Amino acid sequence: MQHTLSILVENKPGVLSRIAGLFSGRGFNIESLSVAETLDATISRMTIVTRGNDQILEQIIKQLNKLVNVIKVIDFVNGDFVNREMALIKVTVADENRSELLNIVDIFRGKVVDVGPDAYVVEVTGDGGKLDAIINLCKPMGIKEVARTGKVAMMRGTKQKG
């Protein structure tokens, strides 16, 4: 089962390493990882996506909560939450596919953020399925490079879990 964890941590060196070590020590792969400061520069939010056995993940969450620099851990597995990723996709362009690429970008509500003589860089935001879909549509034109941010997540509505 896929789990999306939101972890509020003190913004200090070594915290990410200790958290990643907890996952690898239990044999869990981190599928997606995003880390950034919150409104408070002394606190960072980590969003980690992983898959695995619920019982083992429950143990990881308990161990995360015991780490000194961890403030709060939320597992969004049973919650009502919003999640997004962002991708930059560098696509080969030629006269014959330029308008097709612009139509695809428009349909996916993306935008062209860089124009070169033989490639455009496209920015798209959405869930993982949306990003996979636009990447698959752009493949026949020739994708030179893809960079994805990983998932970020937040509870819906006025509920605040961290």
N, C-alpha and C. Protein backbone atom coordinates (compact mmCIF):
# COMPACT_ATOMS: atom_id res chain seq x y z
N MET A 1 0.84 -1.18 0.00
CA MET A 1 0.00 0.00 0.00
C MET A 1 0.89 1.25 0.00
N GLN A 2 0.49 2.26 -0.76
CA GLN A 2 1.25 3.51 -0.81
C GLN A 2 0.91 4.40 0.38
N HIS A 3 1.93 4.98 0.96
CA HIS A 3 1.77 5.90 2.08
C HIS A 3 2.45 7.22 1.73
N THR A 4 1.75 8.32 2.00
CA THR A 4 2.32 9.65 1.87
C THR A 4 2.45 10.20 3.28
N LEU A 5 3.67 10.49 3.68
CA LEU A 5 3.95 11.00 5.02
C LEU A 5 4.35 12.46 4.94
N SER A 6 3.82 13.25 5.84
CA SER A 6 4.25 14.63 6.01
C SER A 6 4.95 14.69 7.36
N ILE A 7 6.20 15.12 7.35
CA ILE A 7 7.00 15.12 8.57
C ILE A 7 7.52 16.53 8.81
N LEU A 8 7.11 17.14 9.92
CA LEU A 8 7.65 18.43 10.31
C LEU A 8 8.88 18.18 11.16
N VAL A 9 9.99 18.81 10.76
CA VAL A 9 11.26 18.60 11.45
C VAL A 9 11.95 19.93 11.72
N GLU A 10 12.87 19.91 12.69
CA GLU A 10 13.71 21.07 12.90
C GLU A 10 14.62 21.19 11.69
N ASN A 11 14.82 22.40 11.22
CA ASN A 11 15.63 22.65 10.04
C ASN A 11 17.11 22.67 10.45
N LYS A 12 17.69 21.48 10.59
CA LYS A 12 19.07 21.34 11.05
C LYS A 12 19.80 20.33 10.19
N PRO A 13 21.13 20.44 10.10
CA PRO A 13 21.91 19.48 9.32
C PRO A 13 21.79 18.06 9.89
N GLY A 14 21.73 17.08 9.00
CA GLY A 14 21.72 15.68 9.40
C GLY A 14 20.35 15.07 9.61
N VAL A 15 19.30 15.89 9.69
CA VAL A 15 17.96 15.37 9.95
C VAL A 15 17.50 14.47 8.79
N LEU A 16 17.67 14.92 7.58
CA LEU A 16 17.28 14.14 6.41
C LEU A 16 18.01 12.80 6.38
N SER A 17 19.27 12.82 6.67
CA SER A 17 20.07 11.59 6.67
C SER A 17 19.55 10.59 7.69
N ARG A 18 19.22 11.04 8.89
CA ARG A 18 18.70 10.14 9.91
C ARG A 18 17.34 9.55 9.51
N ILE A 19 16.50 10.37 8.92
CA ILE A 19 15.19 9.88 8.50
C ILE A 19 15.32 8.88 7.35
N ALA A 20 16.14 9.21 6.37
CA ALA A 20 16.36 8.28 5.25
C ALA A 20 16.96 6.96 5.77
N GLY A 21 17.85 7.03 6.74
CA GLY A 21 18.45 5.84 7.33
C GLY A 21 17.42 4.95 8.01
N LEU A 22 16.43 5.56 8.63
CA LEU A 22 15.35 4.79 9.26
C LEU A 22 14.61 3.97 8.21
N PHE A 23 14.32 4.57 7.07
CA PHE A 23 13.61 3.86 6.01
C PHE A 23 14.47 2.75 5.42
N SER A 24 15.71 3.05 5.10
CA SER A 24 16.57 2.04 4.48
C SER A 24 16.87 0.90 5.45
N GLY A 25 16.97 1.20 6.72
CA GLY A 25 17.23 0.17 7.72
C GLY A 25 16.09 -0.83 7.83
N ARG A 26 14.89 -0.42 7.48
CA ARG A 26 13.72 -1.31 7.50
C ARG A 26 13.41 -1.89 6.13
N GLY A 27 14.26 -1.59 5.13
CA GLY A 27 14.05 -2.13 3.80
C GLY A 27 12.98 -1.43 2.99
N PHE A 28 12.64 -0.19 3.35
CA PHE A 28 11.64 0.58 2.62
C PHE A 28 12.33 1.51 1.64
N ASN A 29 11.82 1.54 0.42
CA ASN A 29 12.31 2.48 -0.57
C ASN A 29 11.52 3.78 -0.46
N ILE A 30 12.20 4.90 -0.56
CA ILE A 30 11.53 6.19 -0.64
C ILE A 30 11.30 6.47 -2.11
N GLU A 31 10.02 6.44 -2.54
CA GLU A 31 9.68 6.65 -3.94
C GLU A 31 9.74 8.12 -4.33
N SER A 32 9.42 8.98 -3.38
CA SER A 32 9.40 10.42 -3.64
C SER A 32 9.76 11.13 -2.35
N LEU A 33 10.54 12.19 -2.48
CA LEU A 33 10.97 12.96 -1.32
C LEU A 33 11.02 14.42 -1.71
N SER A 34 10.36 15.24 -0.92
CA SER A 34 10.39 16.68 -1.12
C SER A 34 10.59 17.34 0.24
N VAL A 35 11.53 18.28 0.32
CA VAL A 35 11.84 18.95 1.58
C VAL A 35 12.00 20.44 1.33
N ALA A 36 11.38 21.24 2.19
CA ALA A 36 11.56 22.69 2.11
C ALA A 36 11.17 23.32 3.44
N GLU A 37 11.65 24.53 3.65
CA GLU A 37 11.28 25.29 4.85
C GLU A 37 9.79 25.58 4.84
N THR A 38 9.22 25.73 6.02
CA THR A 38 7.84 26.17 6.17
C THR A 38 7.86 27.70 6.32
N LEU A 39 6.76 28.27 6.74
CA LEU A 39 6.74 29.71 7.00
C LEU A 39 7.75 30.08 8.09
N ASP A 40 7.98 29.15 9.00
CA ASP A 40 8.98 29.31 10.05
C ASP A 40 10.29 28.72 9.55
N ALA A 41 11.31 29.55 9.36
CA ALA A 41 12.58 29.10 8.79
C ALA A 41 13.30 28.06 9.65
N THR A 42 12.90 27.88 10.88
CA THR A 42 13.54 26.88 11.74
C THR A 42 12.89 25.50 11.60
N ILE A 43 11.81 25.42 10.81
CA ILE A 43 11.08 24.16 10.62
C ILE A 43 10.98 23.85 9.13
N SER A 44 11.22 22.59 8.78
CA SER A 44 11.04 22.12 7.40
C SER A 44 9.95 21.07 7.35
N ARG A 45 9.31 20.95 6.19
CA ARG A 45 8.32 19.90 5.96
C ARG A 45 8.91 18.94 4.94
N MET A 46 8.93 17.67 5.32
CA MET A 46 9.32 16.60 4.41
C MET A 46 8.06 15.88 3.97
N THR A 47 7.94 15.65 2.68
CA THR A 47 6.87 14.81 2.18
C THR A 47 7.54 13.59 1.58
N ILE A 48 7.23 12.43 2.15
CA ILE A 48 7.85 11.18 1.72
C ILE A 48 6.75 10.24 1.24
N VAL A 49 6.96 9.65 0.06
CA VAL A 49 6.05 8.64 -0.46
C VAL A 49 6.79 7.31 -0.46
N THR A 50 6.14 6.29 0.11
CA THR A 50 6.73 4.96 0.17
C THR A 50 5.62 3.93 0.03
N ARG A 51 5.98 2.70 -0.21
CA ARG A 51 5.02 1.59 -0.29
C ARG A 51 5.47 0.50 0.66
N GLY A 52 4.47 -0.17 1.24
CA GLY A 52 4.85 -1.30 2.06
C GLY A 52 3.80 -1.72 3.05
N ASN A 53 4.18 -2.69 3.82
CA ASN A 53 3.35 -3.30 4.84
C ASN A 53 2.95 -2.26 5.89
N ASP A 54 1.65 -2.20 6.19
CA ASP A 54 1.13 -1.21 7.14
C ASP A 54 1.74 -1.35 8.53
N GLN A 55 1.95 -2.59 8.98
CA GLN A 55 2.48 -2.80 10.32
C GLN A 55 3.91 -2.29 10.45
N ILE A 56 4.73 -2.56 9.43
CA ILE A 56 6.12 -2.10 9.48
C ILE A 56 6.17 -0.58 9.38
N LEU A 57 5.31 -0.01 8.51
CA LEU A 57 5.29 1.45 8.38
C LEU A 57 4.84 2.10 9.69
N GLU A 58 3.93 1.46 10.39
CA GLU A 58 3.50 1.97 11.70
C GLU A 58 4.70 2.03 12.66
N GLN A 59 5.55 1.02 12.60
CA GLN A 59 6.76 1.01 13.44
C GLN A 59 7.71 2.14 13.03
N ILE A 60 7.85 2.36 11.73
CA ILE A 60 8.71 3.46 11.25
C ILE A 60 8.18 4.79 11.77
N ILE A 61 6.86 4.99 11.72
CA ILE A 61 6.26 6.24 12.19
C ILE A 61 6.54 6.42 13.68
N LYS A 62 6.41 5.34 14.45
CA LYS A 62 6.70 5.42 15.88
C LYS A 62 8.16 5.79 16.11
N GLN A 63 9.07 5.20 15.33
CA GLN A 63 10.49 5.53 15.47
C GLN A 63 10.79 6.94 15.02
N LEU A 64 10.11 7.41 13.96
CA LEU A 64 10.28 8.80 13.52
C LEU A 64 9.89 9.75 14.64
N ASN A 65 8.77 9.46 15.30
CA ASN A 65 8.30 10.33 16.37
C ASN A 65 9.27 10.37 17.55
N LYS A 66 10.12 9.37 17.69
CA LYS A 66 11.10 9.34 18.78
C LYS A 66 12.37 10.14 18.46
N LEU A 67 12.59 10.45 17.17
CA LEU A 67 13.78 11.22 16.81
C LEU A 67 13.69 12.63 17.38
N VAL A 68 14.79 13.12 17.92
CA VAL A 68 14.83 14.42 18.60
C VAL A 68 14.36 15.55 17.70
N ASN A 69 14.78 15.56 16.43
CA ASN A 69 14.49 16.68 15.55
C ASN A 69 13.12 16.59 14.86
N VAL A 70 12.38 15.52 15.09
CA VAL A 70 11.06 15.37 14.47
C VAL A 70 10.01 16.00 15.37
N ILE A 71 9.20 16.89 14.78
CA ILE A 71 8.16 17.60 15.52
C ILE A 71 6.82 16.87 15.40
N LYS A 72 6.47 16.43 14.18
CA LYS A 72 5.17 15.81 13.95
C LYS A 72 5.23 14.94 12.69
N VAL A 73 4.54 13.79 12.73
CA VAL A 73 4.46 12.89 11.58
C VAL A 73 2.99 12.64 11.27
N ILE A 74 2.61 12.79 10.00
CA ILE A 74 1.24 12.54 9.57
C ILE A 74 1.29 11.56 8.41
N ASP A 75 0.51 10.48 8.49
CA ASP A 75 0.36 9.54 7.39
C ASP A 75 -0.98 9.87 6.72
N PHE A 76 -0.92 10.30 5.47
CA PHE A 76 -2.14 10.71 4.75
C PHE A 76 -2.91 9.52 4.16
N VAL A 77 -2.53 8.30 4.50
CA VAL A 77 -3.13 7.12 3.87
C VAL A 77 -4.65 7.08 4.03
N ASN A 78 -5.19 7.49 5.15
CA ASN A 78 -6.63 7.45 5.36
C ASN A 78 -7.27 8.83 5.40
N GLY A 79 -6.53 9.86 5.04
CA GLY A 79 -7.04 11.21 5.15
C GLY A 79 -7.52 11.77 3.82
N ASP A 80 -8.19 12.88 3.89
CA ASP A 80 -8.65 13.60 2.72
C ASP A 80 -7.64 14.71 2.46
N PHE A 81 -6.80 14.52 1.45
CA PHE A 81 -5.71 15.45 1.23
C PHE A 81 -5.54 15.79 -0.25
N VAL A 82 -4.84 16.87 -0.49
CA VAL A 82 -4.48 17.34 -1.82
C VAL A 82 -3.01 17.04 -2.03
N ASN A 83 -2.65 16.53 -3.21
CA ASN A 83 -1.23 16.33 -3.49
C ASN A 83 -0.93 16.76 -4.91
N ARG A 84 0.26 17.27 -5.10
CA ARG A 84 0.70 17.74 -6.41
C ARG A 84 2.18 17.44 -6.61
N GLU A 85 2.54 17.32 -7.87
CA GLU A 85 3.94 17.25 -8.29
C GLU A 85 4.12 18.30 -9.38
N MET A 86 5.36 18.63 -9.64
CA MET A 86 5.66 19.52 -10.74
C MET A 86 6.73 18.85 -11.59
N ALA A 87 6.62 19.02 -12.90
CA ALA A 87 7.63 18.46 -13.80
C ALA A 87 8.07 19.53 -14.79
N LEU A 88 9.36 19.51 -15.09
CA LEU A 88 9.91 20.26 -16.20
C LEU A 88 10.27 19.23 -17.26
N ILE A 89 9.77 19.43 -18.48
CA ILE A 89 9.99 18.48 -19.56
C ILE A 89 10.60 19.22 -20.74
N LYS A 90 11.80 18.81 -21.14
CA LYS A 90 12.45 19.42 -22.31
C LYS A 90 12.11 18.56 -23.52
N VAL A 91 11.35 19.16 -24.46
CA VAL A 91 10.83 18.43 -25.61
C VAL A 91 11.45 18.98 -26.89
N THR A 92 11.86 18.08 -27.76
CA THR A 92 12.39 18.47 -29.07
C THR A 92 11.26 19.09 -29.89
N VAL A 93 11.54 20.23 -30.50
CA VAL A 93 10.54 20.86 -31.36
C VAL A 93 11.10 21.07 -32.75
N ALA A 94 10.22 20.89 -33.71
CA ALA A 94 10.51 21.19 -35.11
C ALA A 94 9.26 21.86 -35.65
N ASP A 95 9.36 22.41 -36.82
CA ASP A 95 8.21 23.12 -37.40
C ASP A 95 6.96 22.24 -37.44
N GLU A 96 7.14 20.94 -37.72
CA GLU A 96 5.98 20.05 -37.88
C GLU A 96 5.30 19.66 -36.56
N ASN A 97 5.98 19.80 -35.41
CA ASN A 97 5.34 19.40 -34.16
C ASN A 97 5.17 20.54 -33.15
N ARG A 98 5.61 21.73 -33.49
CA ARG A 98 5.55 22.87 -32.57
C ARG A 98 4.11 23.16 -32.12
N SER A 99 3.18 23.25 -33.07
CA SER A 99 1.79 23.56 -32.70
C SER A 99 1.15 22.40 -31.94
N GLU A 100 1.50 21.16 -32.27
CA GLU A 100 0.98 20.00 -31.54
C GLU A 100 1.42 20.06 -30.08
N LEU A 101 2.70 20.38 -29.85
CA LEU A 101 3.21 20.47 -28.48
C LEU A 101 2.49 21.59 -27.72
N LEU A 102 2.31 22.74 -28.36
CA LEU A 102 1.62 23.84 -27.69
C LEU A 102 0.17 23.48 -27.35
N ASN A 103 -0.49 22.71 -28.20
CA ASN A 103 -1.86 22.25 -27.91
C ASN A 103 -1.87 21.30 -26.71
N ILE A 104 -0.91 20.38 -26.67
CA ILE A 104 -0.82 19.44 -25.54
C ILE A 104 -0.58 20.20 -24.24
N VAL A 105 0.34 21.15 -24.27
CA VAL A 105 0.63 21.95 -23.08
C VAL A 105 -0.61 22.70 -22.62
N ASP A 106 -1.36 23.24 -23.56
CA ASP A 106 -2.59 23.97 -23.23
C ASP A 106 -3.64 23.04 -22.61
N ILE A 107 -3.82 21.86 -23.18
CA ILE A 107 -4.80 20.90 -22.66
C ILE A 107 -4.48 20.52 -21.22
N PHE A 108 -3.18 20.39 -20.90
CA PHE A 108 -2.76 19.99 -19.55
C PHE A 108 -2.55 21.18 -18.62
N ARG A 109 -2.94 22.36 -19.08
CA ARG A 109 -2.80 23.60 -18.31
C ARG A 109 -1.36 23.83 -17.85
N GLY A 110 -0.44 23.47 -18.73
CA GLY A 110 0.97 23.71 -18.44
C GLY A 110 1.39 25.01 -19.07
N LYS A 111 2.69 25.26 -19.01
CA LYS A 111 3.19 26.45 -19.70
C LYS A 111 4.60 26.20 -20.20
N VAL A 112 4.92 26.88 -21.27
CA VAL A 112 6.27 26.82 -21.82
C VAL A 112 7.09 27.85 -21.05
N VAL A 113 8.16 27.40 -20.41
CA VAL A 113 8.96 28.30 -19.59
C VAL A 113 10.31 28.63 -20.22
N ASP A 114 10.65 27.94 -21.31
CA ASP A 114 11.88 28.27 -22.03
C ASP A 114 11.71 27.83 -23.48
N VAL A 115 12.16 28.69 -24.39
CA VAL A 115 12.07 28.41 -25.82
C VAL A 115 13.47 28.47 -26.40
N GLY A 116 13.86 27.39 -27.05
CA GLY A 116 15.14 27.34 -27.74
C GLY A 116 14.90 27.01 -29.19
N PRO A 117 15.94 27.04 -29.99
CA PRO A 117 15.76 26.79 -31.43
C PRO A 117 15.30 25.36 -31.74
N ASP A 118 15.65 24.40 -30.87
CA ASP A 118 15.27 23.01 -31.15
C ASP A 118 14.57 22.32 -29.98
N ALA A 119 14.27 23.06 -28.90
CA ALA A 119 13.60 22.44 -27.75
C ALA A 119 12.85 23.48 -26.93
N TYR A 120 11.74 23.05 -26.37
CA TYR A 120 10.98 23.85 -25.42
C TYR A 120 11.05 23.16 -24.06
N VAL A 121 11.09 23.96 -23.00
CA VAL A 121 10.95 23.41 -21.66
C VAL A 121 9.54 23.74 -21.20
N VAL A 122 8.81 22.68 -20.82
CA VAL A 122 7.42 22.79 -20.42
C VAL A 122 7.32 22.54 -18.92
N GLU A 123 6.50 23.32 -18.23
CA GLU A 123 6.23 23.13 -16.81
C GLU A 123 4.79 22.67 -16.65
N VAL A 124 4.60 21.57 -15.90
CA VAL A 124 3.27 21.04 -15.65
C VAL A 124 3.16 20.67 -14.18
N THR A 125 2.01 21.00 -13.58
CA THR A 125 1.75 20.68 -12.19
C THR A 125 0.47 19.85 -12.12
N GLY A 126 0.48 18.83 -11.25
CA GLY A 126 -0.71 18.01 -11.06
C GLY A 126 -0.36 16.75 -10.31
N ASP A 127 -1.29 15.79 -10.33
CA ASP A 127 -0.98 14.52 -9.67
C ASP A 127 -0.07 13.70 -10.59
N GLY A 128 0.44 12.61 -10.06
CA GLY A 128 1.40 11.79 -10.82
C GLY A 128 0.85 11.28 -12.13
N GLY A 129 -0.45 10.92 -12.15
CA GLY A 129 -1.06 10.43 -13.37
C GLY A 129 -1.08 11.47 -14.48
N LYS A 130 -1.35 12.70 -14.12
CA LYS A 130 -1.36 13.79 -15.10
C LYS A 130 0.03 13.98 -15.69
N LEU A 131 1.05 13.96 -14.84
CA LEU A 131 2.42 14.13 -15.33
C LEU A 131 2.83 12.97 -16.22
N ASP A 132 2.47 11.75 -15.82
CA ASP A 132 2.78 10.58 -16.66
C ASP A 132 2.10 10.70 -18.02
N ALA A 133 0.86 11.19 -18.05
CA ALA A 133 0.10 11.30 -19.29
C ALA A 133 0.75 12.29 -20.26
N ILE A 134 1.15 13.47 -19.77
CA ILE A 134 1.76 14.44 -20.69
C ILE A 134 3.13 13.96 -21.16
N ILE A 135 3.86 13.30 -20.28
CA ILE A 135 5.16 12.75 -20.69
C ILE A 135 4.97 11.72 -21.80
N ASN A 136 3.98 10.84 -21.66
CA ASN A 136 3.71 9.84 -22.69
C ASN A 136 3.30 10.47 -24.02
N LEU A 137 2.54 11.57 -23.96
CA LEU A 137 2.14 12.25 -25.19
C LEU A 137 3.32 12.96 -25.87
N CYS A 138 4.28 13.38 -25.08
CA CYS A 138 5.44 14.10 -25.63
C CYS A 138 6.53 13.15 -26.13
N LYS A 139 6.52 11.92 -25.70
CA LYS A 139 7.57 10.96 -26.09
C LYS A 139 7.76 10.84 -27.60
N PRO A 140 6.69 10.73 -28.39
CA PRO A 140 6.89 10.61 -29.84
C PRO A 140 7.61 11.81 -30.47
N MET A 141 7.52 12.98 -29.84
CA MET A 141 8.19 14.17 -30.36
C MET A 141 9.67 14.16 -30.02
N GLY A 142 10.00 13.45 -28.94
CA GLY A 142 11.39 13.38 -28.49
C GLY A 142 11.60 14.17 -27.22
N ILE A 143 11.66 13.48 -26.11
CA ILE A 143 11.95 14.13 -24.83
C ILE A 143 13.45 14.07 -24.60
N LYS A 144 14.04 15.23 -24.34
CA LYS A 144 15.47 15.30 -24.08
C LYS A 144 15.79 15.12 -22.60
N GLU A 145 14.86 15.59 -21.74
CA GLU A 145 15.13 15.55 -20.30
C GLU A 145 13.84 15.76 -19.53
N VAL A 146 13.74 15.11 -18.35
CA VAL A 146 12.61 15.30 -17.45
C VAL A 146 13.13 15.47 -16.04
N ALA A 147 12.59 16.45 -15.32
CA ALA A 147 12.90 16.64 -13.89
C ALA A 147 11.57 16.77 -13.17
N ARG A 148 11.37 15.89 -12.16
CA ARG A 148 10.13 15.91 -11.37
C ARG A 148 10.46 16.24 -9.93
N THR A 149 9.54 16.96 -9.28
CA THR A 149 9.80 17.41 -7.91
C THR A 149 9.55 16.35 -6.87
N GLY A 150 8.67 15.41 -7.13
CA GLY A 150 8.18 14.54 -6.08
C GLY A 150 6.92 15.16 -5.51
N LYS A 151 6.19 14.36 -4.77
CA LYS A 151 4.87 14.78 -4.28
C LYS A 151 5.00 15.70 -3.08
N VAL A 152 4.13 16.70 -3.02
CA VAL A 152 3.88 17.49 -1.81
C VAL A 152 2.41 17.31 -1.50
N ALA A 153 2.06 17.32 -0.20
CA ALA A 153 0.68 17.04 0.19
C ALA A 153 0.26 17.90 1.36
N MET A 154 -1.05 18.11 1.46
CA MET A 154 -1.63 18.90 2.54
C MET A 154 -3.08 18.44 2.74
N MET A 155 -3.53 18.46 3.99
CA MET A 155 -4.92 18.11 4.29
C MET A 155 -5.85 19.11 3.62
N ARG A 156 -7.01 18.63 3.20
CA ARG A 156 -8.02 19.50 2.58
C ARG A 156 -8.72 20.36 3.63
N GLY A 157 -9.31 21.44 3.18
CA GLY A 157 -10.17 22.27 4.01
C GLY A 157 -9.45 22.95 5.14
N THR A 158 -10.18 23.18 6.23
CA THR A 158 -9.64 23.92 7.35
C THR A 158 -8.92 23.04 8.36
N LYS A 159 -8.96 21.72 8.15
CA LYS A 159 -8.24 20.83 9.06
C LYS A 159 -6.75 21.07 8.92
N GLN A 160 -6.09 21.18 10.02
CA GLN A 160 -4.64 21.36 10.01
C GLN A 160 -4.02 20.24 10.81
N LYS A 161 -3.17 19.47 10.13
CA LYS A 161 -2.53 18.35 10.81
C LYS A 161 -1.03 18.58 10.93
N GLY A 162 -0.55 19.72 10.55
CA GLY A 162 0.88 19.97 10.68
C GLY A 162 1.43 20.80 9.59
